[in-house]
Amino acid sequence: MKPTQFPAHYWIRQDDGRLRCELCPHRCRLKNGQRGRCFLRVAENDEIRLSAWGRTTGLALDPIEKKPLYHFFPSSTVLSFGTIGCNLSCSFCQNWDISAERDLSRLRVETSPELIAQKARDHGAESVAFTYNEPIIFIEYVMETARACHERGIRTVAVTAGSILPEPRRDFFSVIDAANVDLKSFREQTYSRLCGGALAPVLETLQYITRETSVWLEITTLLIPGENDSEEEIRELSRWISNRLRPEIPLHFTAFHPAHRMLQTPPTPLETLLRAREIALEEGLLYVYSGNVLHTESSTTRCSRCGEILIERKGYRTRLLNLGPSGRCLNCGQSLPGRFA
């Protein structure tokens, strides 16, 4: 099968003959032969097609904590895969070699949805993760793979920036069991200047997941020195999650490392991550973590009532200490929000 032969959904034909993609807020208007900003969606023969159907850059077995998901079947194994391209263009992208790739030959592994689901089962993975690059841009492939997974009792995970329009948003999250959404900043100007996108659609996605679905949600913010790491912005972001979403949603502050077009920006100091965590806890969030650094205390899950250690993490080594199989603290009986065996 050629990479560009699968018809895509979510587009309309305009009066001027161009095809308008209705997948994400960019709403790219394409003539035959043109590709959208995401690269994977292309206009051919008067329809928009998906270039990555049944093709990936490879498969890998990961701990679920790597996504990061800390309250979704802790210490379980997830089969991860992605394609190429992205509907954002973040200057600080940590996976830029995949998201900014424009060579379809990188999609060298042919993997049908059924084969991915079967590989997950064969390797003892409890979940399949759509990750490494933005899964929204290959939504048709995601949805078919998710259905194949659910038929085999395999859960589905999306690692996404959440920039999507309402109709595909509903369809996408209807087949997802857990999501980690990248909230890259709490400033519209930062999204525009550094990401080529907008904050408002991401906030809408977060509210939709929280209010309209049963998807388990965790949020990640990569803290970049001098860009989105001010105490004021961190406080506003944390307060919004606590008040407009739910205080029990886990928030991960992760460390930036120089990459892509921001090689001159220094790494995030540990002190910045720890201060951000303090602020988020002050604003009412119950579970706040530091990532991309080795710091056991800020990676540890404690009971929100008695403070007992429930899950200890050292890097990606995870130990369930005082957490019962139903997700309750063995010391005081308090329920830990999340999904547990």
C-alpha atoms as a PDB file:
ATOM      1  CA  MET A   1       0.000   0.000   0.000  1.00  0.00           C
ATOM      2  CA  LYS A   2       1.365   3.405  -0.918  1.00  0.00           C
ATOM      3  CA  PRO A   3       1.641   5.826   2.018  1.00  0.00           C
ATOM      4  CA  THR A   4      -0.825   8.336   0.512  1.00  0.00           C
ATOM      5  CA  GLN A   5      -3.693   6.019  -0.424  1.00  0.00           C
ATOM      6  CA  PHE A   6      -5.914   6.125   2.668  1.00  0.00           C
ATOM      7  CA  PRO A   7      -8.799   8.625   2.467  1.00  0.00           C
ATOM      8  CA  ALA A   8      -8.872  11.023   5.402  1.00  0.00           C
ATOM      9  CA  HIS A   9     -11.927  12.293   7.245  1.00  0.00           C
ATOM     10  CA  TYR A  10     -12.679  15.838   8.446  1.00  0.00           C
ATOM     11  CA  TRP A  11     -12.450  18.038   5.374  1.00  0.00           C
ATOM     12  CA  ILE A  12     -14.752  19.991   3.083  1.00  0.00           C
ATOM     13  CA  ARG A  13     -14.553  21.195  -0.507  1.00  0.00           C
ATOM     14  CA  GLN A  14     -14.666  24.980  -0.898  1.00  0.00           C
ATOM     15  CA  ASP A  15     -16.283  26.949  -3.714  1.00  0.00           C
ATOM     16  CA  ASP A  16     -12.851  27.906  -5.069  1.00  0.00           C
ATOM     17  CA  GLY A  17     -11.965  24.236  -5.494  1.00  0.00           C
ATOM     18  CA  ARG A  18      -9.566  24.045  -2.579  1.00  0.00           C
ATOM     19  CA  LEU A  19     -10.025  21.432   0.122  1.00  0.00           C
ATOM     20  CA  ARG A  20     -10.226  22.703   3.699  1.00  0.00           C
ATOM     21  CA  CYS A  21      -9.048  20.390   6.427  1.00  0.00           C
ATOM     22  CA  GLU A  22     -11.361  20.414   9.454  1.00  0.00           C
ATOM     23  CA  LEU A  23      -9.146  18.432  11.808  1.00  0.00           C
ATOM     24  CA  CYS A  24      -7.288  21.134  13.744  1.00  0.00           C
ATOM     25  CA  PRO A  25      -7.548  24.911  14.243  1.00  0.00           C
ATOM     26  CA  HIS A  26      -5.181  25.658  11.330  1.00  0.00           C
ATOM     27  CA  ARG A  27      -7.917  24.605   8.875  1.00  0.00           C
ATOM     28  CA  CYS A  28      -5.380  24.278   6.065  1.00  0.00           C
ATOM     29  CA  ARG A  29      -6.733  25.108   2.587  1.00  0.00           C
ATOM     30  CA  LEU A  30      -5.117  22.852   0.027  1.00  0.00           C
ATOM     31  CA  LYS A  31      -4.896  22.502  -3.723  1.00  0.00           C
ATOM     32  CA  ASN A  32      -4.088  19.142  -5.253  1.00  0.00           C
ATOM     33  CA  GLY A  33      -0.508  18.227  -4.450  1.00  0.00           C
ATOM     34  CA  GLN A  34      -0.275  20.423  -1.354  1.00  0.00           C
ATOM     35  CA  ARG A  35       0.270  19.183   2.179  1.00  0.00           C
ATOM     36  CA  GLY A  36      -1.119  20.599   5.392  1.00  0.00           C
ATOM     37  CA  ARG A  37       1.075  22.113   8.073  1.00  0.00           C
ATOM     38  CA  CYS A  38       1.134  18.726   9.770  1.00  0.00           C
ATOM     39  CA  PHE A  39       2.710  17.210   6.602  1.00  0.00           C
ATOM     40  CA  LEU A  40       0.800  13.923   6.843  1.00  0.00           C
ATOM     41  CA  ARG A  41      -2.452  15.178   5.331  1.00  0.00           C
ATOM     42  CA  VAL A  42      -2.212  15.780   1.593  1.00  0.00           C
ATOM     43  CA  ALA A  43      -4.654  16.825  -1.163  1.00  0.00           C
ATOM     44  CA  GLU A  44      -4.667  14.286  -4.001  1.00  0.00           C
ATOM     45  CA  ASN A  45      -7.277  13.582  -6.669  1.00  0.00           C
ATOM     46  CA  ASP A  46      -9.682  16.097  -5.092  1.00  0.00           C
ATOM     47  CA  GLU A  47      -9.693  14.551  -1.655  1.00  0.00           C
ATOM     48  CA  ILE A  48      -7.536  14.766   1.444  1.00  0.00           C
ATOM     49  CA  ARG A  49      -5.599  11.622   2.240  1.00  0.00           C
ATOM     50  CA  LEU A  50      -3.515  10.389   5.137  1.00  0.00           C
ATOM     51  CA  SER A  51       0.112   9.598   4.289  1.00  0.00           C
ATOM     52  CA  ALA A  52       0.860   7.406   7.296  1.00  0.00           C
ATOM     53  CA  TRP A  53      -1.835   4.746   7.261  1.00  0.00           C
ATOM     54  CA  GLY A  54      -0.380   1.453   8.440  1.00  0.00           C
ATOM     55  CA  ARG A  55       3.167   2.821   8.682  1.00  0.00           C
ATOM     56  CA  THR A  56       5.207   3.848  11.705  1.00  0.00           C
ATOM     57  CA  THR A  57       8.736   4.871  12.593  1.00  0.00           C
ATOM     58  CA  GLY A  58       8.888   1.799  14.823  1.00  0.00           C
ATOM     59  CA  LEU A  59       7.486   0.162  17.945  1.00  0.00           C
ATOM     60  CA  ALA A  60       8.914   0.181  21.475  1.00  0.00           C
ATOM     61  CA  LEU A  61       7.989  -1.250  24.851  1.00  0.00           C
ATOM     62  CA  ASP A  62       7.983   1.404  27.593  1.00  0.00           C
ATOM     63  CA  PRO A  63       6.966   1.736  31.217  1.00  0.00           C
ATOM     64  CA  ILE A  64       3.691   3.654  31.436  1.00  0.00           C
ATOM     65  CA  GLU A  65       5.476   6.212  33.647  1.00  0.00           C
ATOM     66  CA  LYS A  66       7.468   7.342  30.595  1.00  0.00           C
ATOM     67  CA  LYS A  67       4.410   8.882  28.925  1.00  0.00           C
ATOM     68  CA  PRO A  68       4.202  10.269  31.696  1.00  0.00           C
ATOM     69  CA  LEU A  69       1.168   8.657  33.316  1.00  0.00           C
ATOM     70  CA  TYR A  70       1.593   8.142  37.063  1.00  0.00           C
ATOM     71  CA  HIS A  71      -1.971   7.212  38.065  1.00  0.00           C
ATOM     72  CA  PHE A  72      -2.842   4.866  35.191  1.00  0.00           C
ATOM     73  CA  PHE A  73      -2.005   1.237  36.012  1.00  0.00           C
ATOM     74  CA  PRO A  74       1.372   2.094  37.599  1.00  0.00           C
ATOM     75  CA  SER A  75       4.408   0.003  36.602  1.00  0.00           C
ATOM     76  CA  SER A  76       2.516  -1.539  33.669  1.00  0.00           C
ATOM     77  CA  THR A  77       4.019  -1.898  30.186  1.00  0.00           C
ATOM     78  CA  VAL A  78       2.861   0.072  27.136  1.00  0.00           C
ATOM     79  CA  LEU A  79       3.625  -0.536  23.456  1.00  0.00           C
ATOM     80  CA  SER A  80       4.473   2.866  21.975  1.00  0.00           C
ATOM     81  CA  PHE A  81       4.535   4.040  18.386  1.00  0.00           C
ATOM     82  CA  GLY A  82       4.316   7.180  16.281  1.00  0.00           C
ATOM     83  CA  THR A  83       4.639   8.440  12.737  1.00  0.00           C
ATOM     84  CA  ILE A  84       6.158  11.760  11.585  1.00  0.00           C
ATOM     85  CA  GLY A  85       4.953  15.371  11.458  1.00  0.00           C
ATOM     86  CA  CYS A  86       3.019  17.625  13.818  1.00  0.00           C
ATOM     87  CA  ASN A  87       0.366  20.338  13.626  1.00  0.00           C
ATOM     88  CA  LEU A  88       2.515  22.561  15.857  1.00  0.00           C
ATOM     89  CA  SER A  89       6.065  23.762  15.212  1.00  0.00           C
ATOM     90  CA  CYS A  90       7.545  24.162  18.682  1.00  0.00           C
ATOM     91  CA  SER A  91      11.003  25.717  18.710  1.00  0.00           C
ATOM     92  CA  PHE A  92      11.814  23.683  21.827  1.00  0.00           C
ATOM     93  CA  CYS A  93      10.522  20.301  20.599  1.00  0.00           C
ATOM     94  CA  GLN A  94      12.313  17.451  22.342  1.00  0.00           C
ATOM     95  CA  ASN A  95      11.275  14.993  19.567  1.00  0.00           C
ATOM     96  CA  TRP A  96      12.012  17.330  16.668  1.00  0.00           C
ATOM     97  CA  ASP A  97      13.770  14.630  14.608  1.00  0.00           C
ATOM     98  CA  ILE A  98      10.372  12.933  14.249  1.00  0.00           C
ATOM     99  CA  SER A  99       7.903  15.830  14.461  1.00  0.00           C
ATOM    100  CA  ALA A 100       9.814  17.981  11.948  1.00  0.00           C
ATOM    101  CA  GLU A 101      10.638  15.089   9.615  1.00  0.00           C
ATOM    102  CA  ARG A 102       9.506  15.498   5.990  1.00  0.00           C
ATOM    103  CA  ASP A 103      10.788  12.237   4.538  1.00  0.00           C
ATOM    104  CA  LEU A 104       8.095   9.592   4.209  1.00  0.00           C
ATOM    105  CA  SER A 105      10.749   6.897   3.967  1.00  0.00           C
ATOM    106  CA  ARG A 106      11.131   7.252   7.753  1.00  0.00           C
ATOM    107  CA  LEU A 107       7.797   5.411   7.953  1.00  0.00           C
ATOM    108  CA  ARG A 108       9.638   2.194   7.237  1.00  0.00           C
ATOM    109  CA  VAL A 109       7.691  -0.207   9.465  1.00  0.00           C
ATOM    110  CA  GLU A 110       4.412  -1.500   8.023  1.00  0.00           C
ATOM    111  CA  THR A 111       2.033  -2.214  10.901  1.00  0.00           C
ATOM    112  CA  SER A 112      -1.689  -2.679  10.518  1.00  0.00           C
ATOM    113  CA  PRO A 113      -3.969  -1.776  13.441  1.00  0.00           C
ATOM    114  CA  GLU A 114      -4.613  -5.471  14.060  1.00  0.00           C
ATOM    115  CA  LEU A 115      -0.897  -6.295  14.069  1.00  0.00           C
ATOM    116  CA  ILE A 116      -0.131  -3.533  16.582  1.00  0.00           C
ATOM    117  CA  ALA A 117      -2.846  -4.788  18.925  1.00  0.00           C
ATOM    118  CA  GLN A 118      -1.630  -8.364  18.586  1.00  0.00           C
ATOM    119  CA  LYS A 119       2.002  -7.367  19.204  1.00  0.00           C
ATOM    120  CA  ALA A 120       0.935  -5.589  22.388  1.00  0.00           C
ATOM    121  CA  ARG A 121      -0.823  -8.716  23.584  1.00  0.00           C
ATOM    122  CA  ASP A 122       2.059 -10.992  22.597  1.00  0.00           C
ATOM    123  CA  HIS A 123       4.574  -8.856  24.518  1.00  0.00           C
ATOM    124  CA  GLY A 124       2.442  -8.498  27.643  1.00  0.00           C
ATOM    125  CA  ALA A 125       1.729  -4.799  27.174  1.00  0.00           C
ATOM    126  CA  GLU A 126      -1.492  -3.722  28.852  1.00  0.00           C
ATOM    127  CA  SER A 127      -1.740  -0.559  26.738  1.00  0.00           C
ATOM    128  CA  VAL A 128      -0.836   0.882  23.361  1.00  0.00           C
ATOM    129  CA  ALA A 129       0.362   4.506  23.268  1.00  0.00           C
ATOM    130  CA  PHE A 130       0.066   6.883  20.344  1.00  0.00           C
ATOM    131  CA  THR A 131       3.087   9.043  21.044  1.00  0.00           C
ATOM    132  CA  TYR A 132       6.484  10.440  19.883  1.00  0.00           C
ATOM    133  CA  ASN A 133       4.709  12.831  17.483  1.00  0.00           C
ATOM    134  CA  GLU A 134       1.196  14.293  17.479  1.00  0.00           C
ATOM    135  CA  PRO A 135      -1.348  11.445  17.136  1.00  0.00           C
ATOM    136  CA  ILE A 136      -4.179  13.810  16.207  1.00  0.00           C
ATOM    137  CA  ILE A 137      -2.702  14.223  12.720  1.00  0.00           C
ATOM    138  CA  PHE A 138      -3.070  10.484  12.029  1.00  0.00           C
ATOM    139  CA  ILE A 139      -6.462  10.220  13.744  1.00  0.00           C
ATOM    140  CA  GLU A 140      -7.890   7.641  11.322  1.00  0.00           C
ATOM    141  CA  TYR A 141      -4.992   5.274  12.011  1.00  0.00           C
ATOM    142  CA  VAL A 142      -5.350   5.909  15.759  1.00  0.00           C
ATOM    143  CA  MET A 143      -9.053   5.132  15.793  1.00  0.00           C
ATOM    144  CA  GLU A 144      -8.753   1.867  13.873  1.00  0.00           C
ATOM    145  CA  THR A 145      -5.833   0.771  16.043  1.00  0.00           C
ATOM    146  CA  ALA A 146      -7.744   1.679  19.204  1.00  0.00           C
ATOM    147  CA  ARG A 147     -10.703  -0.420  18.114  1.00  0.00           C
ATOM    148  CA  ALA A 148      -8.423  -3.373  17.388  1.00  0.00           C
ATOM    149  CA  CYS A 149      -6.832  -2.947  20.821  1.00  0.00           C
ATOM    150  CA  HIS A 150     -10.127  -2.811  22.679  1.00  0.00           C
ATOM    151  CA  GLU A 151     -11.293  -5.972  20.910  1.00  0.00           C
ATOM    152  CA  ARG A 152      -8.275  -7.719  22.466  1.00  0.00           C
ATOM    153  CA  GLY A 153      -8.603  -6.156  25.923  1.00  0.00           C
ATOM    154  CA  ILE A 154      -5.723  -3.714  25.362  1.00  0.00           C
ATOM    155  CA  ARG A 155      -6.088  -0.149  26.656  1.00  0.00           C
ATOM    156  CA  THR A 156      -5.185   2.957  24.651  1.00  0.00           C
ATOM    157  CA  VAL A 157      -3.111   6.005  25.587  1.00  0.00           C
ATOM    158  CA  ALA A 158      -2.679   9.305  23.734  1.00  0.00           C
ATOM    159  CA  VAL A 159       0.216  11.698  24.313  1.00  0.00           C
ATOM    160  CA  THR A 160      -1.007  14.854  22.620  1.00  0.00           C
ATOM    161  CA  ALA A 161      -0.784  18.632  22.493  1.00  0.00           C
ATOM    162  CA  GLY A 162      -4.586  18.761  22.306  1.00  0.00           C
ATOM    163  CA  SER A 163      -4.892  21.130  19.334  1.00  0.00           C
ATOM    164  CA  ILE A 164      -8.000  19.766  17.614  1.00  0.00           C
ATOM    165  CA  LEU A 165     -11.464  20.895  16.486  1.00  0.00           C
ATOM    166  CA  PRO A 166     -14.689  19.786  18.245  1.00  0.00           C
ATOM    167  CA  GLU A 167     -15.971  17.039  15.908  1.00  0.00           C
ATOM    168  CA  PRO A 168     -12.702  15.107  15.578  1.00  0.00           C
ATOM    169  CA  ARG A 169     -12.035  15.789  19.279  1.00  0.00           C
ATOM    170  CA  ARG A 170     -15.189  13.881  20.172  1.00  0.00           C
ATOM    171  CA  ASP A 171     -14.271  10.982  17.882  1.00  0.00           C
ATOM    172  CA  PHE A 172     -10.629  10.852  18.966  1.00  0.00           C
ATOM    173  CA  PHE A 173     -11.232  10.713  22.706  1.00  0.00           C
ATOM    174  CA  SER A 174     -14.117   8.253  22.351  1.00  0.00           C
ATOM    175  CA  VAL A 175     -11.523   5.516  21.712  1.00  0.00           C
ATOM    176  CA  ILE A 176      -8.868   6.665  24.227  1.00  0.00           C
ATOM    177  CA  ASP A 177      -8.580   5.356  27.796  1.00  0.00           C
ATOM    178  CA  ALA A 178      -5.920   7.750  29.115  1.00  0.00           C
ATOM    179  CA  ALA A 179      -4.270  10.910  27.852  1.00  0.00           C
ATOM    180  CA  ASN A 180      -1.363  13.083  28.794  1.00  0.00           C
ATOM    181  CA  VAL A 181      -1.908  16.539  27.318  1.00  0.00           C
ATOM    182  CA  ASP A 182       0.983  18.935  26.798  1.00  0.00           C
ATOM    183  CA  LEU A 183       0.005  22.343  28.138  1.00  0.00           C
ATOM    184  CA  LYS A 184       2.972  24.210  26.735  1.00  0.00           C
ATOM    185  CA  SER A 185       2.281  27.591  28.296  1.00  0.00           C
ATOM    186  CA  PHE A 186      -0.520  29.610  29.821  1.00  0.00           C
ATOM    187  CA  ARG A 187       0.099  32.547  27.457  1.00  0.00           C
ATOM    188  CA  GLU A 188      -1.394  32.933  23.988  1.00  0.00           C
ATOM    189  CA  GLN A 189       1.648  34.899  22.814  1.00  0.00           C
ATOM    190  CA  THR A 190       3.974  32.058  23.787  1.00  0.00           C
ATOM    191  CA  TYR A 191       1.909  29.537  21.844  1.00  0.00           C
ATOM    192  CA  SER A 192       1.932  31.839  18.822  1.00  0.00           C
ATOM    193  CA  ARG A 193       5.622  32.776  18.973  1.00  0.00           C
ATOM    194  CA  LEU A 194       7.207  29.451  19.968  1.00  0.00           C
ATOM    195  CA  CYS A 195       4.669  26.825  18.858  1.00  0.00           C
ATOM    196  CA  GLY A 196       2.864  28.188  15.809  1.00  0.00           C
ATOM    197  CA  GLY A 197      -0.423  27.474  17.537  1.00  0.00           C
ATOM    198  CA  ALA A 198      -2.967  28.781  20.030  1.00  0.00           C
ATOM    199  CA  LEU A 199      -3.706  28.200  23.711  1.00  0.00           C
ATOM    200  CA  ALA A 200      -7.518  28.442  23.588  1.00  0.00           C
ATOM    201  CA  PRO A 201      -8.159  25.161  21.669  1.00  0.00           C
ATOM    202  CA  VAL A 202      -5.931  23.279  24.123  1.00  0.00           C
ATOM    203  CA  LEU A 203      -7.874  24.612  27.101  1.00  0.00           C
ATOM    204  CA  GLU A 204     -11.085  23.585  25.339  1.00  0.00           C
ATOM    205  CA  THR A 205      -9.692  20.075  24.875  1.00  0.00           C
ATOM    206  CA  LEU A 206      -8.753  19.831  28.551  1.00  0.00           C
ATOM    207  CA  GLN A 207     -12.223  20.954  29.608  1.00  0.00           C
ATOM    208  CA  TYR A 208     -13.857  18.558  27.156  1.00  0.00           C
ATOM    209  CA  ILE A 209     -11.872  15.574  28.432  1.00  0.00           C
ATOM    210  CA  THR A 210     -12.640  16.445  32.048  1.00  0.00           C
ATOM    211  CA  ARG A 211     -16.342  17.210  31.662  1.00  0.00           C
ATOM    212  CA  GLU A 212     -17.510  15.022  28.791  1.00  0.00           C
ATOM    213  CA  THR A 213     -15.452  11.817  28.846  1.00  0.00           C
ATOM    214  CA  SER A 214     -14.236   9.047  31.138  1.00  0.00           C
ATOM    215  CA  VAL A 215     -10.664   9.379  29.831  1.00  0.00           C
ATOM    216  CA  TRP A 216      -8.047   9.424  32.597  1.00  0.00           C
ATOM    217  CA  LEU A 217      -6.198  12.746  32.202  1.00  0.00           C
ATOM    218  CA  GLU A 218      -2.757  13.921  33.262  1.00  0.00           C
ATOM    219  CA  ILE A 219      -1.111  17.183  32.162  1.00  0.00           C
ATOM    220  CA  THR A 220       2.519  18.008  31.381  1.00  0.00           C
ATOM    221  CA  THR A 221       4.169  21.425  31.170  1.00  0.00           C
ATOM    222  CA  LEU A 222       7.778  21.633  29.980  1.00  0.00           C
ATOM    223  CA  LEU A 223       9.306  24.553  31.878  1.00  0.00           C
ATOM    224  CA  ILE A 224      11.628  26.598  29.660  1.00  0.00           C
ATOM    225  CA  PRO A 225      13.901  29.157  31.335  1.00  0.00           C
ATOM    226  CA  GLY A 226      12.817  32.699  30.527  1.00  0.00           C
ATOM    227  CA  GLU A 227       9.778  31.600  28.517  1.00  0.00           C
ATOM    228  CA  ASN A 228       7.055  30.000  30.646  1.00  0.00           C
ATOM    229  CA  ASP A 229       8.676  29.545  34.055  1.00  0.00           C
ATOM    230  CA  SER A 230       7.653  32.735  35.865  1.00  0.00           C
ATOM    231  CA  GLU A 231       5.952  32.232  39.216  1.00  0.00           C
ATOM    232  CA  GLU A 232       3.003  34.305  38.012  1.00  0.00           C
ATOM    233  CA  GLU A 233       2.357  32.103  34.975  1.00  0.00           C
ATOM    234  CA  ILE A 234       2.854  28.872  36.921  1.00  0.00           C
ATOM    235  CA  ARG A 235       0.401  30.094  39.558  1.00  0.00           C
ATOM    236  CA  GLU A 236      -2.222  31.052  36.954  1.00  0.00           C
ATOM    237  CA  LEU A 237      -1.850  27.714  35.148  1.00  0.00           C
ATOM    238  CA  SER A 238      -2.126  25.722  38.374  1.00  0.00           C
ATOM    239  CA  ARG A 239      -5.104  27.733  39.614  1.00  0.00           C
ATOM    240  CA  TRP A 240      -6.918  27.206  36.312  1.00  0.00           C
ATOM    241  CA  ILE A 241      -6.433  23.430  36.503  1.00  0.00           C
ATOM    242  CA  SER A 242      -7.566  23.360  40.128  1.00  0.00           C
ATOM    243  CA  ASN A 243     -10.629  25.558  39.602  1.00  0.00           C
ATOM    244  CA  ARG A 244     -11.718  24.877  36.010  1.00  0.00           C
ATOM    245  CA  LEU A 245     -10.801  21.197  35.798  1.00  0.00           C
ATOM    246  CA  ARG A 246     -10.217  19.121  38.964  1.00  0.00           C
ATOM    247  CA  PRO A 247      -7.606  19.431  41.718  1.00  0.00           C
ATOM    248  CA  GLU A 248      -6.889  15.697  41.618  1.00  0.00           C
ATOM    249  CA  ILE A 249      -5.617  15.790  38.011  1.00  0.00           C
ATOM    250  CA  PRO A 250      -1.869  15.021  38.125  1.00  0.00           C
ATOM    251  CA  LEU A 251       0.355  17.810  36.805  1.00  0.00           C
ATOM    252  CA  HIS A 252       3.906  17.104  35.636  1.00  0.00           C
ATOM    253  CA  PHE A 253       6.461  19.920  35.452  1.00  0.00           C
ATOM    254  CA  THR A 254       9.294  18.620  33.295  1.00  0.00           C
ATOM    255  CA  ALA A 255      12.789  19.918  32.637  1.00  0.00           C
ATOM    256  CA  PHE A 256      13.753  21.432  29.291  1.00  0.00           C
ATOM    257  CA  HIS A 257      17.019  20.384  27.678  1.00  0.00           C
ATOM    258  CA  PRO A 258      18.474  22.427  24.771  1.00  0.00           C
ATOM    259  CA  ALA A 259      17.041  21.091  21.516  1.00  0.00           C
ATOM    260  CA  HIS A 260      15.911  21.946  17.988  1.00  0.00           C
ATOM    261  CA  ARG A 261      15.872  25.752  17.529  1.00  0.00           C
ATOM    262  CA  MET A 262      16.590  26.557  21.183  1.00  0.00           C
ATOM    263  CA  LEU A 263      20.083  25.186  21.594  1.00  0.00           C
ATOM    264  CA  GLN A 264      21.269  28.353  23.346  1.00  0.00           C
ATOM    265  CA  THR A 265      18.587  28.199  26.042  1.00  0.00           C
ATOM    266  CA  PRO A 266      19.959  26.662  29.266  1.00  0.00           C
ATOM    267  CA  PRO A 267      18.441  23.542  30.863  1.00  0.00           C
ATOM    268  CA  THR A 268      15.767  23.993  33.495  1.00  0.00           C
ATOM    269  CA  PRO A 269      17.286  24.149  37.006  1.00  0.00           C
ATOM    270  CA  LEU A 270      15.959  21.650  39.519  1.00  0.00           C
ATOM    271  CA  GLU A 271      15.124  24.574  41.806  1.00  0.00           C
ATOM    272  CA  THR A 272      12.677  25.911  39.192  1.00  0.00           C
ATOM    273  CA  LEU A 273      10.876  22.568  39.005  1.00  0.00           C
ATOM    274  CA  LEU A 274      10.635  22.249  42.763  1.00  0.00           C
ATOM    275  CA  ARG A 275       9.373  25.820  43.171  1.00  0.00           C
ATOM    276  CA  ALA A 276       6.769  25.230  40.449  1.00  0.00           C
ATOM    277  CA  ARG A 277       5.616  22.153  42.346  1.00  0.00           C
ATOM    278  CA  GLU A 278       5.299  24.182  45.565  1.00  0.00           C
ATOM    279  CA  ILE A 279       3.201  26.808  43.783  1.00  0.00           C
ATOM    280  CA  ALA A 280       0.889  24.216  42.232  1.00  0.00           C
ATOM    281  CA  LEU A 281       0.341  22.571  45.610  1.00  0.00           C
ATOM    282  CA  GLU A 282      -0.384  25.999  47.139  1.00  0.00           C
ATOM    283  CA  GLU A 283      -3.039  26.523  44.452  1.00  0.00           C
ATOM    284  CA  GLY A 284      -4.869  23.369  45.521  1.00  0.00           C
ATOM    285  CA  LEU A 285      -3.543  20.672  43.208  1.00  0.00           C
ATOM    286  CA  LEU A 286      -3.131  17.362  44.996  1.00  0.00           C
ATOM    287  CA  TYR A 287      -0.641  15.503  42.806  1.00  0.00           C
ATOM    288  CA  VAL A 288       2.240  17.466  41.280  1.00  0.00           C
ATOM    289  CA  TYR A 289       5.391  15.852  39.933  1.00  0.00           C
ATOM    290  CA  SER A 290       8.798  16.799  38.530  1.00  0.00           C
ATOM    291  CA  GLY A 291      10.031  15.061  35.392  1.00  0.00           C
ATOM    292  CA  ASN A 292      13.156  14.686  33.238  1.00  0.00           C
ATOM    293  CA  VAL A 293      15.185  14.823  36.463  1.00  0.00           C
ATOM    294  CA  LEU A 294      16.101  12.290  39.137  1.00  0.00           C
ATOM    295  CA  HIS A 295      14.371  13.538  42.281  1.00  0.00           C
ATOM    296  CA  THR A 296      12.602  10.846  44.248  1.00  0.00           C
ATOM    297  CA  GLU A 297      10.454  12.997  46.529  1.00  0.00           C
ATOM    298  CA  SER A 298       8.916  15.053  43.704  1.00  0.00           C
ATOM    299  CA  SER A 299       8.222  11.853  41.766  1.00  0.00           C
ATOM    300  CA  THR A 300       6.604  10.070  44.705  1.00  0.00           C
ATOM    301  CA  THR A 301       2.851   9.717  45.119  1.00  0.00           C
ATOM    302  CA  ARG A 302       1.632  10.301  48.674  1.00  0.00           C
ATOM    303  CA  CYS A 303      -1.824   9.875  50.143  1.00  0.00           C
ATOM    304  CA  SER A 304      -3.642  13.205  50.074  1.00  0.00           C
ATOM    305  CA  ARG A 305      -5.143  12.489  53.517  1.00  0.00           C
ATOM    306  CA  CYS A 306      -2.427  10.920  55.692  1.00  0.00           C
ATOM    307  CA  GLY A 307       0.738  11.568  53.664  1.00  0.00           C
ATOM    308  CA  GLU A 308       1.731   7.908  53.476  1.00  0.00           C
ATOM    309  CA  ILE A 309       3.902   6.956  50.474  1.00  0.00           C
ATOM    310  CA  LEU A 310       1.701   5.055  48.024  1.00  0.00           C
ATOM    311  CA  ILE A 311       3.958   4.843  44.963  1.00  0.00           C
ATOM    312  CA  GLU A 312       7.705   5.429  45.011  1.00  0.00           C
ATOM    313  CA  ARG A 313       9.531   6.206  41.756  1.00  0.00           C
ATOM    314  CA  LYS A 314      13.251   6.346  41.126  1.00  0.00           C
ATOM    315  CA  GLY A 315      13.615   7.182  37.478  1.00  0.00           C
ATOM    316  CA  TYR A 316      11.359   4.656  35.769  1.00  0.00           C
ATOM    317  CA  ARG A 317      11.648   2.123  38.595  1.00  0.00           C
ATOM    318  CA  THR A 318       8.273   2.067  40.327  1.00  0.00           C
ATOM    319  CA  ARG A 319       7.308   0.450  43.636  1.00  0.00           C
ATOM    320  CA  LEU A 320       3.742   0.237  44.920  1.00  0.00           C
ATOM    321  CA  LEU A 321       4.155   0.434  48.682  1.00  0.00           C
ATOM    322  CA  ASN A 322       0.944   1.234  50.540  1.00  0.00           C
ATOM    323  CA  LEU A 323      -1.533   1.169  47.677  1.00  0.00           C
ATOM    324  CA  GLY A 324      -4.214  -1.494  47.656  1.00  0.00           C
ATOM    325  CA  PRO A 325      -5.351  -3.204  44.445  1.00  0.00           C
ATOM    326  CA  SER A 326      -8.465  -1.029  44.300  1.00  0.00           C
ATOM    327  CA  GLY A 327      -6.399   2.159  44.526  1.00  0.00           C
ATOM    328  CA  ARG A 328      -6.889   2.896  48.231  1.00  0.00           C
ATOM    329  CA  CYS A 329      -4.313   3.880  50.824  1.00  0.00           C
ATOM    330  CA  LEU A 330      -3.632   0.852  53.029  1.00  0.00           C
ATOM    331  CA  ASN A 331      -2.995   3.175  55.986  1.00  0.00           C
ATOM    332  CA  CYS A 332      -6.157   5.306  56.057  1.00  0.00           C
ATOM    333  CA  GLY A 333      -8.400   4.006  53.271  1.00  0.00           C
ATOM    334  CA  GLN A 334      -8.348   7.201  51.193  1.00  0.00           C
ATOM    335  CA  SER A 335      -8.957   6.555  47.485  1.00  0.00           C
ATOM    336  CA  LEU A 336      -6.209   7.586  45.058  1.00  0.00           C
ATOM    337  CA  PRO A 337      -7.678   9.044  41.849  1.00  0.00           C
ATOM    338  CA  GLY A 338      -6.662   7.093  38.790  1.00  0.00           C
ATOM    339  CA  ARG A 339      -7.004   3.676  37.201  1.00  0.00           C
ATOM    340  CA  PHE A 340      -5.627   0.658  39.027  1.00  0.00           C
ATOM    341  CA  ALA A 341      -5.643  -3.113  38.639  1.00  0.00           C
END
